[in-house]
PDB file of N, CA and C in Angstrom:
ATOM      1  N   UNK A   1      81.637  96.055  93.166  1.00  0.00           N
ATOM      2  CA  UNK A   1      80.762  94.915  93.084  1.00  0.00           C
ATOM      3  C   UNK A   1      79.530  95.113  93.974  1.00  0.00           C
ATOM      4  N   UNK A   2      79.725  95.675  95.153  1.00  0.00           N
ATOM      5  CA  UNK A   2      78.608  95.853  96.075  1.00  0.00           C
ATOM      6  C   UNK A   2      77.531  96.752  95.476  1.00  0.00           C
ATOM      7  N   UNK A   3      77.981  97.763  94.715  1.00  0.00           N
ATOM      8  CA  UNK A   3      77.017  98.677  94.103  1.00  0.00           C
ATOM      9  C   UNK A   3      76.153  97.939  93.081  1.00  0.00           C
ATOM     10  N   UNK A   4      76.791  97.048  92.309  1.00  0.00           N
ATOM     11  CA  UNK A   4      76.050  96.287  91.291  1.00  0.00           C
ATOM     12  C   UNK A   4      75.018  95.374  91.946  1.00  0.00           C
ATOM     13  N   UNK A   5      75.393  94.749  93.036  1.00  0.00           N
ATOM     14  CA  UNK A   5      74.472  93.843  93.730  1.00  0.00           C
ATOM     15  C   UNK A   5      73.312  94.639  94.333  1.00  0.00           C
ATOM     16  N   UNK A   6      73.618  95.789  94.927  1.00  0.00           N
ATOM     17  CA  UNK A   6      72.557  96.641  95.490  1.00  0.00           C
ATOM     18  C   UNK A   6      71.598  97.086  94.396  1.00  0.00           C
ATOM     19  N   UNK A   7      72.167  97.466  93.240  1.00  0.00           N
ATOM     20  CA  UNK A   7      71.327  97.891  92.123  1.00  0.00           C
ATOM     21  C   UNK A   7      70.415  96.757  91.670  1.00  0.00           C
ATOM     22  N   UNK A   8      70.976  95.541  91.604  1.00  0.00           N
ATOM     23  CA  UNK A   8      70.178  94.378  91.213  1.00  0.00           C
ATOM     24  C   UNK A   8      69.041  94.144  92.205  1.00  0.00           C
ATOM     25  N   UNK A   9      69.334  94.282  93.493  1.00  0.00           N
ATOM     26  CA  UNK A   9      68.305  94.093  94.510  1.00  0.00           C
ATOM     27  C   UNK A   9      67.203  95.144  94.390  1.00  0.00           C
ATOM     28  N   UNK A  10      67.590  96.379  94.119  1.00  0.00           N
ATOM     29  CA  UNK A  10      66.601  97.442  93.961  1.00  0.00           C
ATOM     30  C   UNK A  10      65.723  97.204  92.737  1.00  0.00           C
ATOM     31  N   UNK A  11      66.343  96.762  91.645  1.00  0.00           N
ATOM     32  CA  UNK A  11      65.573  96.491  90.424  1.00  0.00           C
ATOM     33  C   UNK A  11      64.625  95.319  90.655  1.00  0.00           C
ATOM     34  N   UNK A  12      65.083  94.318  91.393  1.00  0.00           N
ATOM     35  CA  UNK A  12      64.213  93.171  91.692  1.00  0.00           C
ATOM     36  C   UNK A  12      63.030  93.603  92.560  1.00  0.00           C
ATOM     37  N   UNK A  13      63.287  94.471  93.514  1.00  0.00           N
ATOM     38  CA  UNK A  13      62.202  94.962  94.368  1.00  0.00           C
ATOM     39  C   UNK A  13      61.178  95.726  93.538  1.00  0.00           C
ATOM     40  N   UNK A  14      61.665  96.516  92.595  1.00  0.00           N
ATOM     41  CA  UNK A  14      60.723  97.247  91.738  1.00  0.00           C
ATOM     42  C   UNK A  14      59.967  96.281  90.825  1.00  0.00           C
ATOM     43  N   UNK A  15      60.613  95.198  90.415  1.00  0.00           N
ATOM     44  CA  UNK A  15      59.940  94.182  89.598  1.00  0.00           C
ATOM     45  C   UNK A  15      58.806  93.539  90.387  1.00  0.00           C
ATOM     46  N   UNK A  16      59.052  93.248  91.639  1.00  0.00           N
ATOM     47  CA  UNK A  16      58.023  92.633  92.482  1.00  0.00           C
ATOM     48  C   UNK A  16      56.861  93.585  92.744  1.00  0.00           C
ATOM     49  N   UNK A  17      57.142  94.877  92.754  1.00  0.00           N
ATOM     50  CA  UNK A  17      56.105  95.867  93.016  1.00  0.00           C
ATOM     51  C   UNK A  17      55.268  96.212  91.785  1.00  0.00           C
ATOM     52  N   UNK A  18      55.710  95.789  90.611  1.00  0.00           N
ATOM     53  CA  UNK A  18      54.992  96.154  89.384  1.00  0.00           C
ATOM     54  C   UNK A  18      53.626  95.472  89.353  1.00  0.00           C
ATOM     55  N   UNK A  19      52.668  96.188  88.786  1.00  0.00           N
ATOM     56  CA  UNK A  19      51.291  95.700  88.767  1.00  0.00           C
ATOM     57  C   UNK A  19      50.833  95.309  87.372  1.00  0.00           C
ATOM     58  N   UNK A  20      51.074  96.144  86.380  1.00  0.00           N
ATOM     59  CA  UNK A  20      50.584  95.842  85.026  1.00  0.00           C
ATOM     60  C   UNK A  20      51.566  94.929  84.303  1.00  0.00           C
ATOM     61  N   UNK A  21      51.060  94.254  83.278  1.00  0.00           N
ATOM     62  CA  UNK A  21      51.885  93.319  82.519  1.00  0.00           C
ATOM     63  C   UNK A  21      52.975  94.031  81.734  1.00  0.00           C
ATOM     64  N   UNK A  22      52.638  95.183  81.156  1.00  0.00           N
ATOM     65  CA  UNK A  22      53.635  95.943  80.384  1.00  0.00           C
ATOM     66  C   UNK A  22      54.780  96.407  81.286  1.00  0.00           C
ATOM     67  N   UNK A  23      54.404  96.927  82.413  1.00  0.00           N
ATOM     68  CA  UNK A  23      55.407  97.405  83.371  1.00  0.00           C
ATOM     69  C   UNK A  23      56.284  96.244  83.842  1.00  0.00           C
ATOM     70  N   UNK A  24      55.659  95.099  84.042  1.00  0.00           N
ATOM     71  CA  UNK A  24      56.385  93.922  84.498  1.00  0.00           C
ATOM     72  C   UNK A  24      57.402  93.466  83.444  1.00  0.00           C
ATOM     73  N   UNK A  25      57.016  93.497  82.167  1.00  0.00           N
ATOM     74  CA  UNK A  25      57.916  93.086  81.091  1.00  0.00           C
ATOM     75  C   UNK A  25      59.136  94.008  81.010  1.00  0.00           C
ATOM     76  N   UNK A  26      58.901  95.309  81.118  1.00  0.00           N
ATOM     77  CA  UNK A  26      59.987  96.277  81.047  1.00  0.00           C
ATOM     78  C   UNK A  26      60.941  96.089  82.221  1.00  0.00           C
ATOM     79  N   UNK A  27      60.387  95.948  83.416  1.00  0.00           N
ATOM     80  CA  UNK A  27      61.227  95.786  84.602  1.00  0.00           C
ATOM     81  C   UNK A  27      61.946  94.442  84.605  1.00  0.00           C
ATOM     82  N   UNK A  28      61.301  93.424  84.029  1.00  0.00           N
ATOM     83  CA  UNK A  28      61.944  92.114  83.957  1.00  0.00           C
ATOM     84  C   UNK A  28      63.150  92.154  83.024  1.00  0.00           C
ATOM     85  N   UNK A  29      63.016  92.853  81.903  1.00  0.00           N
ATOM     86  CA  UNK A  29      64.139  93.003  80.976  1.00  0.00           C
ATOM     87  C   UNK A  29      65.278  93.771  81.653  1.00  0.00           C
ATOM     88  N   UNK A  30      64.941  94.815  82.390  1.00  0.00           N
ATOM     89  CA  UNK A  30      65.953  95.598  83.099  1.00  0.00           C
ATOM     90  C   UNK A  30      66.627  94.737  84.178  1.00  0.00           C
ATOM     91  N   UNK A  31      65.833  93.904  84.849  1.00  0.00           N
ATOM     92  CA  UNK A  31      66.377  93.036  85.891  1.00  0.00           C
ATOM     93  C   UNK A  31      67.374  92.037  85.301  1.00  0.00           C
ATOM     94  N   UNK A  32      67.045  91.468  84.143  1.00  0.00           N
ATOM     95  CA  UNK A  32      67.946  90.499  83.519  1.00  0.00           C
ATOM     96  C   UNK A  32      69.290  91.137  83.184  1.00  0.00           C
ATOM     97  N   UNK A  33      69.245  92.378  82.688  1.00  0.00           N
ATOM     98  CA  UNK A  33      70.484  93.075  82.345  1.00  0.00           C
ATOM     99  C   UNK A  33      71.306  93.356  83.598  1.00  0.00           C
ATOM    100  N   UNK A  34      70.661  93.868  84.643  1.00  0.00           N
ATOM    101  CA  UNK A  34      71.400  94.177  85.872  1.00  0.00           C
ATOM    102  C   UNK A  34      71.906  92.909  86.551  1.00  0.00           C
ATOM    103  N   UNK A  35      71.167  91.805  86.408  1.00  0.00           N
ATOM    104  CA  UNK A  35      71.603  90.533  86.978  1.00  0.00           C
ATOM    105  C   UNK A  35      72.882  90.051  86.293  1.00  0.00           C
ATOM    106  N   UNK A  36      72.945  90.184  84.969  1.00  0.00           N
ATOM    107  CA  UNK A  36      74.146  89.795  84.236  1.00  0.00           C
ATOM    108  C   UNK A  36      75.326  90.659  84.632  1.00  0.00           C
ATOM    109  N   UNK A  37      75.094  91.956  84.793  1.00  0.00           N
ATOM    110  CA  UNK A  37      76.173  92.861  85.195  1.00  0.00           C
ATOM    111  C   UNK A  37      76.685  92.529  86.594  1.00  0.00           C
ATOM    112  N   UNK A  38      75.771  92.202  87.503  1.00  0.00           N
ATOM    113  CA  UNK A  38      76.165  91.848  88.871  1.00  0.00           C
ATOM    114  C   UNK A  38      76.957  90.538  88.881  1.00  0.00           C
ATOM    115  N   UNK A  39      76.534  89.580  88.061  1.00  0.00           N
ATOM    116  CA  UNK A  39      77.259  88.314  87.980  1.00  0.00           C
ATOM    117  C   UNK A  39      78.663  88.526  87.438  1.00  0.00           C
ATOM    118  N   UNK A  40      78.760  89.383  86.429  1.00  0.00           N
ATOM    119  CA  UNK A  40      80.060  89.663  85.835  1.00  0.00           C
ATOM    120  C   UNK A  40      80.974  90.354  86.849  1.00  0.00           C
ATOM    121  N   UNK A  41      80.425  91.288  87.612  1.00  0.00           N
ATOM    122  CA  UNK A  41      81.213  91.994  88.629  1.00  0.00           C
ATOM    123  C   UNK A  41      81.682  91.018  89.710  1.00  0.00           C
ATOM    124  N   UNK A  42      80.822  90.085  90.100  1.00  0.00           N
ATOM    125  CA  UNK A  42      81.192  89.093  91.114  1.00  0.00           C
ATOM    126  C   UNK A  42      82.294  88.179  90.592  1.00  0.00           C
ATOM    127  N   UNK A  43      82.204  87.789  89.344  1.00  0.00           N
ATOM    128  CA  UNK A  43      83.223  86.928  88.746  1.00  0.00           C
ATOM    129  C   UNK A  43      84.568  87.643  88.695  1.00  0.00           C
ATOM    130  N   UNK A  44      84.545  88.903  88.310  1.00  0.00           N
ATOM    131  CA  UNK A  44      85.786  89.681  88.249  1.00  0.00           C
ATOM    132  C   UNK A  44      86.399  89.812  89.642  1.00  0.00           C
ATOM    133  N   UNK A  45      85.564  90.076  90.644  1.00  0.00           N
ATOM    134  CA  UNK A  45      86.064  90.206  92.019  1.00  0.00           C
ATOM    135  C   UNK A  45      86.664  88.897  92.512  1.00  0.00           C
ATOM    136  N   UNK A  46      86.013  87.774  92.213  1.00  0.00           N
ATOM    137  CA  UNK A  46      86.543  86.468  92.620  1.00  0.00           C
ATOM    138  C   UNK A  46      87.871  86.180  91.940  1.00  0.00           C
ATOM    139  N   UNK A  47      87.943  86.483  90.648  1.00  0.00           N
ATOM    140  CA  UNK A  47      89.186  86.244  89.920  1.00  0.00           C
ATOM    141  C   UNK A  47      90.322  87.102  90.466  1.00  0.00           C
ATOM    142  N   UNK A  48      90.028  88.347  90.800  1.00  0.00           N
ATOM    143  CA  UNK A  48      91.049  89.225  91.377  1.00  0.00           C
ATOM    144  C   UNK A  48      91.526  88.702  92.732  1.00  0.00           C
ATOM    145  N   UNK A  49      90.589  88.221  93.535  1.00  0.00           N
ATOM    146  CA  UNK A  49      90.944  87.677  94.848  1.00  0.00           C
ATOM    147  C   UNK A  49      91.815  86.430  94.699  1.00  0.00           C
ATOM    148  N   UNK A  50      91.464  85.567  93.749  1.00  0.00           N
ATOM    149  CA  UNK A  50      92.275  84.366  93.521  1.00  0.00           C
ATOM    150  C   UNK A  50      93.672  84.733  93.018  1.00  0.00           C
ATOM    151  N   UNK A  51      93.732  85.710  92.135  1.00  0.00           N
ATOM    152  CA  UNK A  51      95.024  86.130  91.604  1.00  0.00           C
ATOM    153  C   UNK A  51      95.919  86.682  92.712  1.00  0.00           C
ATOM    154  N   UNK A  52      95.335  87.485  93.613  1.00  0.00           N
ATOM    155  CA  UNK A  52      96.104  87.999  94.751  1.00  0.00           C
ATOM    156  C   UNK A  52      96.580  86.848  95.638  1.00  0.00           C
ATOM    157  N   UNK A  53      95.717  85.850  95.844  1.00  0.00           N
ATOM    158  CA  UNK A  53      96.090  84.695  96.657  1.00  0.00           C
ATOM    159  C   UNK A  53      97.246  83.937  96.016  1.00  0.00           C
ATOM    160  N   UNK A  54      97.177  83.713  94.715  1.00  0.00           N
ATOM    161  CA  UNK A  54      98.242  82.987  94.028  1.00  0.00           C
ATOM    162  C   UNK A  54      99.559  83.754  94.091  1.00  0.00           C
ATOM    163  N   UNK A  55      99.499  85.061  93.947  1.00  0.00           N
ATOM    164  CA  UNK A  55     100.716  85.864  94.045  1.00  0.00           C
ATOM    165  C   UNK A  55     101.281  85.805  95.467  1.00  0.00           C
ATOM    166  N   UNK A  56     100.397  85.805  96.444  1.00  0.00           N
ATOM    167  CA  UNK A  56     100.833  85.735  97.836  1.00  0.00           C
ATOM    168  C   UNK A  56     101.461  84.374  98.135  1.00  0.00           C
ATOM    169  N   UNK A  57     100.913  83.315  97.560  1.00  0.00           N
ATOM    170  CA  UNK A  57     101.428  81.972  97.820  1.00  0.00           C
ATOM    171  C   UNK A  57     102.810  81.756  97.204  1.00  0.00           C
ATOM    172  N   UNK A  58     103.178  82.546  96.210  1.00  0.00           N
ATOM    173  CA  UNK A  58     104.478  82.399  95.578  1.00  0.00           C
ATOM    174  C   UNK A  58     105.605  82.997  96.419  1.00  0.00           C
ATOM    175  N   UNK A  59     105.266  83.809  97.409  1.00  0.00           N
ATOM    176  CA  UNK A  59     106.289  84.411  98.257  1.00  0.00           C
ATOM    177  C   UNK A  59     106.693  83.450  99.376  1.00  0.00           C
ATOM    178  N   UNK A  60     107.704  83.846 100.130  1.00  0.00           N
ATOM    179  CA  UNK A  60     108.187  83.003 101.230  1.00  0.00           C
ATOM    180  C   UNK A  60     107.133  82.876 102.327  1.00  0.00           C
ATOM    181  N   UNK A  61     106.468  83.996 102.645  1.00  0.00           N
ATOM    182  CA  UNK A  61     105.418  83.950 103.665  1.00  0.00           C
ATOM    183  C   UNK A  61     104.223  83.136 103.162  1.00  0.00           C
ATOM    184  N   UNK A  62     104.050  83.111 101.858  1.00  0.00           N
ATOM    185  CA  UNK A  62     102.941  82.374 101.269  1.00  0.00           C
ATOM    186  C   UNK A  62     103.053  80.882 101.444  1.00  0.00           C
ATOM    187  N   UNK A  63     104.277  80.392 101.562  1.00  0.00           N
ATOM    188  CA  UNK A  63     104.452  78.951 101.754  1.00  0.00           C
ATOM    189  C   UNK A  63     103.873  78.512 103.089  1.00  0.00           C
ATOM    190  N   UNK A  64     103.953  79.381 104.089  1.00  0.00           N
ATOM    191  CA  UNK A  64     103.326  79.088 105.379  1.00  0.00           C
ATOM    192  C   UNK A  64     101.802  79.101 105.234  1.00  0.00           C
ATOM    193  N   UNK A  65     101.334  79.991 104.382  1.00  0.00           N
ATOM    194  CA  UNK A  65      99.890  80.119 104.153  1.00  0.00           C
ATOM    195  C   UNK A  65      99.307  78.841 103.553  1.00  0.00           C
ATOM    196  N   UNK A  66     100.100  78.139 102.746  1.00  0.00           N
ATOM    197  CA  UNK A  66      99.645  76.885 102.137  1.00  0.00           C
ATOM    198  C   UNK A  66      99.262  75.885 103.219  1.00  0.00           C
ATOM    199  N   UNK A  67     100.076  75.803 104.244  1.00  0.00           N
ATOM    200  CA  UNK A  67      99.785  74.854 105.318  1.00  0.00           C
ATOM    201  C   UNK A  67      98.551  75.273 106.105  1.00  0.00           C
ATOM    202  N   UNK A  68      98.354  76.576 106.279  1.00  0.00           N
ATOM    203  CA  UNK A  68      97.153  77.055 106.958  1.00  0.00           C
ATOM    204  C   UNK A  68      95.908  76.686 106.159  1.00  0.00           C
ATOM    205  N   UNK A  69      95.978  76.893 104.844  1.00  0.00           N
ATOM    206  CA  UNK A  69      94.840  76.557 103.987  1.00  0.00           C
ATOM    207  C   UNK A  69      94.555  75.059 104.013  1.00  0.00           C
ATOM    208  N   UNK A  70      95.609  74.251 104.015  1.00  0.00           N
ATOM    209  CA  UNK A  70      95.425  72.802 104.061  1.00  0.00           C
ATOM    210  C   UNK A  70      94.779  72.372 105.363  1.00  0.00           C
ATOM    211  N   UNK A  71      95.188  72.986 106.466  1.00  0.00           N
ATOM    212  CA  UNK A  71      94.613  72.657 107.766  1.00  0.00           C
ATOM    213  C   UNK A  71      93.125  73.019 107.810  1.00  0.00           C
ATOM    214  N   UNK A  72      92.790  74.200 107.302  1.00  0.00           N
ATOM    215  CA  UNK A  72      91.395  74.627 107.283  1.00  0.00           C
ATOM    216  C   UNK A  72      90.572  73.696 106.408  1.00  0.00           C
ATOM    217  N   UNK A  73      91.115  73.337 105.256  1.00  0.00           N
ATOM    218  CA  UNK A  73      90.405  72.445 104.344  1.00  0.00           C
ATOM    219  C   UNK A  73      90.173  71.078 104.984  1.00  0.00           C
ATOM    220  N   UNK A  74      91.174  70.579 105.696  1.00  0.00           N
ATOM    221  CA  UNK A  74      91.048  69.279 106.357  1.00  0.00           C
ATOM    222  C   UNK A  74      89.976  69.324 107.428  1.00  0.00           C
ATOM    223  N   UNK A  75      89.887  70.430 108.158  1.00  0.00           N
ATOM    224  CA  UNK A  75      88.862  70.558 109.191  1.00  0.00           C
ATOM    225  C   UNK A  75      87.465  70.596 108.588  1.00  0.00           C
ATOM    226  N   UNK A  76      87.340  71.214 107.423  1.00  0.00           N
ATOM    227  CA  UNK A  76      86.027  71.317 106.779  1.00  0.00           C
ATOM    228  C   UNK A  76      85.523  69.972 106.294  1.00  0.00           C
ATOM    229  N   UNK A  77      86.422  69.133 105.813  1.00  0.00           N
ATOM    230  CA  UNK A  77      85.979  67.865 105.238  1.00  0.00           C
ATOM    231  C   UNK A  77      85.930  66.734 106.250  1.00  0.00           C
ATOM    232  N   UNK A  78      86.272  67.021 107.484  1.00  0.00           N
ATOM    233  CA  UNK A  78      86.248  65.991 108.522  1.00  0.00           C
ATOM    234  C   UNK A  78      84.819  65.455 108.657  1.00  0.00           C
ATOM    235  N   UNK A  79      84.704  64.151 108.791  1.00  0.00           N
ATOM    236  CA  UNK A  79      83.402  63.495 108.895  1.00  0.00           C
ATOM    237  C   UNK A  79      82.789  63.803 110.257  1.00  0.00           C
ATOM    238  N   UNK A  80      81.631  64.443 110.248  1.00  0.00           N
ATOM    239  CA  UNK A  80      80.993  64.827 111.505  1.00  0.00           C
ATOM    240  C   UNK A  80      80.143  63.709 112.112  1.00  0.00           C
ATOM    241  N   UNK A  81      79.903  62.647 111.357  1.00  0.00           N
ATOM    242  CA  UNK A  81      79.102  61.560 111.911  1.00  0.00           C
ATOM    243  C   UNK A  81      79.878  60.748 112.934  1.00  0.00           C
ATOM    244  N   UNK A  82      81.180  60.768 112.842  1.00  0.00           N
ATOM    245  CA  UNK A  82      82.004  59.973 113.748  1.00  0.00           C
ATOM    246  C   UNK A  82      82.686  60.861 114.778  1.00  0.00           C
ATOM    247  N   UNK A  83      81.954  61.783 115.312  1.00  0.00           N
ATOM    248  CA  UNK A  83      82.531  62.680 116.320  1.00  0.00           C
ATOM    249  C   UNK A  83      82.728  61.892 117.604  1.00  0.00           C
ATOM    250  N   UNK A  84      83.939  61.974 118.132  1.00  0.00           N
ATOM    251  CA  UNK A  84      84.236  61.291 119.382  1.00  0.00           C
ATOM    252  C   UNK A  84      84.415  62.338 120.458  1.00  0.00           C
ATOM    253  N   UNK A  85      83.877  62.062 121.584  1.00  0.00           N
ATOM    254  CA  UNK A  85      84.112  62.943 122.720  1.00  0.00           C
ATOM    255  C   UNK A  85      84.050  62.098 123.991  1.00  0.00           C
ATOM    256  N   UNK A  86      84.900  62.461 124.923  1.00  0.00           N
ATOM    257  CA  UNK A  86      84.912  61.773 126.208  1.00  0.00           C
ATOM    258  C   UNK A  86      85.029  62.824 127.298  1.00  0.00           C
ATOM    259  N   UNK A  87      84.717  62.401 128.491  1.00  0.00           N
ATOM    260  CA  UNK A  87      84.803  63.316 129.625  1.00  0.00           C
ATOM    261  C   UNK A  87      86.201  63.187 130.229  1.00  0.00           C
ATOM    262  N   UNK A  88      86.832  64.324 130.420  1.00  0.00           N
ATOM    263  CA  UNK A  88      88.182  64.354 130.971  1.00  0.00           C
ATOM    264  C   UNK A  88      88.173  64.163 132.478  1.00  0.00           C
ATOM    265  N   UNK A  89      89.355  64.177 133.065  1.00  0.00           N
ATOM    266  CA  UNK A  89      89.487  63.983 134.504  1.00  0.00           C
ATOM    267  C   UNK A  89      88.851  65.112 135.297  1.00  0.00           C
ATOM    268  N   UNK A  90      88.817  66.295 134.711  1.00  0.00           N
ATOM    269  CA  UNK A  90      88.214  67.441 135.404  1.00  0.00           C
ATOM    270  C   UNK A  90      86.751  67.634 134.992  1.00  0.00           C
ATOM    271  N   UNK A  91      86.116  66.586 134.493  1.00  0.00           N
ATOM    272  CA  UNK A  91      84.708  66.555 134.084  1.00  0.00           C
ATOM    273  C   UNK A  91      84.384  67.513 132.946  1.00  0.00           C
ATOM    274  N   UNK A  92      85.380  67.891 132.159  1.00  0.00           N
ATOM    275  CA  UNK A  92      85.142  68.676 130.948  1.00  0.00           C
ATOM    276  C   UNK A  92      85.118  67.723 129.765  1.00  0.00           C
ATOM    277  N   UNK A  93      84.300  68.047 128.783  1.00  0.00           N
ATOM    278  CA  UNK A  93      84.186  67.184 127.618  1.00  0.00           C
ATOM    279  C   UNK A  93      85.338  67.483 126.675  1.00  0.00           C
ATOM    280  N   UNK A  94      86.065  66.437 126.279  1.00  0.00           N
ATOM    281  CA  UNK A  94      87.189  66.557 125.359  1.00  0.00           C
ATOM    282  C   UNK A  94      86.749  66.121 123.974  1.00  0.00           C
ATOM    283  N   UNK A  95      86.983  66.976 122.993  1.00  0.00           N
ATOM    284  CA  UNK A  95      86.583  66.669 121.624  1.00  0.00           C
ATOM    285  C   UNK A  95      87.802  66.536 120.722  1.00  0.00           C
ATOM    286  N   UNK A  96      88.841  67.307 120.973  1.00  0.00           N
ATOM    287  CA  UNK A  96      90.026  67.280 120.125  1.00  0.00           C
ATOM    288  C   UNK A  96      90.749  65.947 120.268  1.00  0.00           C
ATOM    289  N   UNK A  97      91.161  65.399 119.132  1.00  0.00           N
ATOM    290  CA  UNK A  97      91.787  64.079 119.120  1.00  0.00           C
ATOM    291  C   UNK A  97      93.062  64.039 119.952  1.00  0.00           C
ATOM    292  N   UNK A  98      93.835  65.107 119.899  1.00  0.00           N
ATOM    293  CA  UNK A  98      95.100  65.095 120.640  1.00  0.00           C
ATOM    294  C   UNK A  98      94.865  65.030 122.148  1.00  0.00           C
ATOM    295  N   UNK A  99      93.882  65.763 122.636  1.00  0.00           N
ATOM    296  CA  UNK A  99      93.585  65.744 124.067  1.00  0.00           C
ATOM    297  C   UNK A  99      92.980  64.404 124.480  1.00  0.00           C
ATOM    298  N   UNK A 100      92.207  63.797 123.596  1.00  0.00           N
ATOM    299  CA  UNK A 100      91.641  62.487 123.901  1.00  0.00           C
ATOM    300  C   UNK A 100      92.758  61.465 124.023  1.00  0.00           C
ATOM    301  N   UNK A 101      93.734  61.534 123.126  1.00  0.00           N
ATOM    302  CA  UNK A 101      94.843  60.596 123.158  1.00  0.00           C
ATOM    303  C   UNK A 101      95.708  60.798 124.401  1.00  0.00           C
ATOM    304  N   UNK A 102      95.878  62.059 124.817  1.00  0.00           N
ATOM    305  CA  UNK A 102      96.672  62.326 126.002  1.00  0.00           C
ATOM    306  C   UNK A 102      96.044  61.728 127.251  1.00  0.00           C
ATOM    307  N   UNK A 103      94.755  61.715 127.319  1.00  0.00           N
ATOM    308  CA  UNK A 103      94.067  61.177 128.477  1.00  0.00           C
ATOM    309  C   UNK A 103      94.242  59.684 128.492  1.00  0.00           C
TER     310      UNK A 103
END
């Protein structure tokens, strides 16, 4: 996949460097083809990665992975506008909810 993306970048750079209209049309057509190939390669790589993940999740160790993924997902969607922080007894700022509750 990396090779396809590099090729697309090189073709795009040559497209930007083109001066005449004819040259630009030819390079633009080549860019469109390489762009489609790079997109297809990226899609295949993503699908392979998802398939490996699904196979991993079906195993015993994978069940633990489900909880890790859920924890990460929960952290990502946490509302950042309502961030609470207080100063602890040792004058350090506490941000984690559990430490705030302990204080």
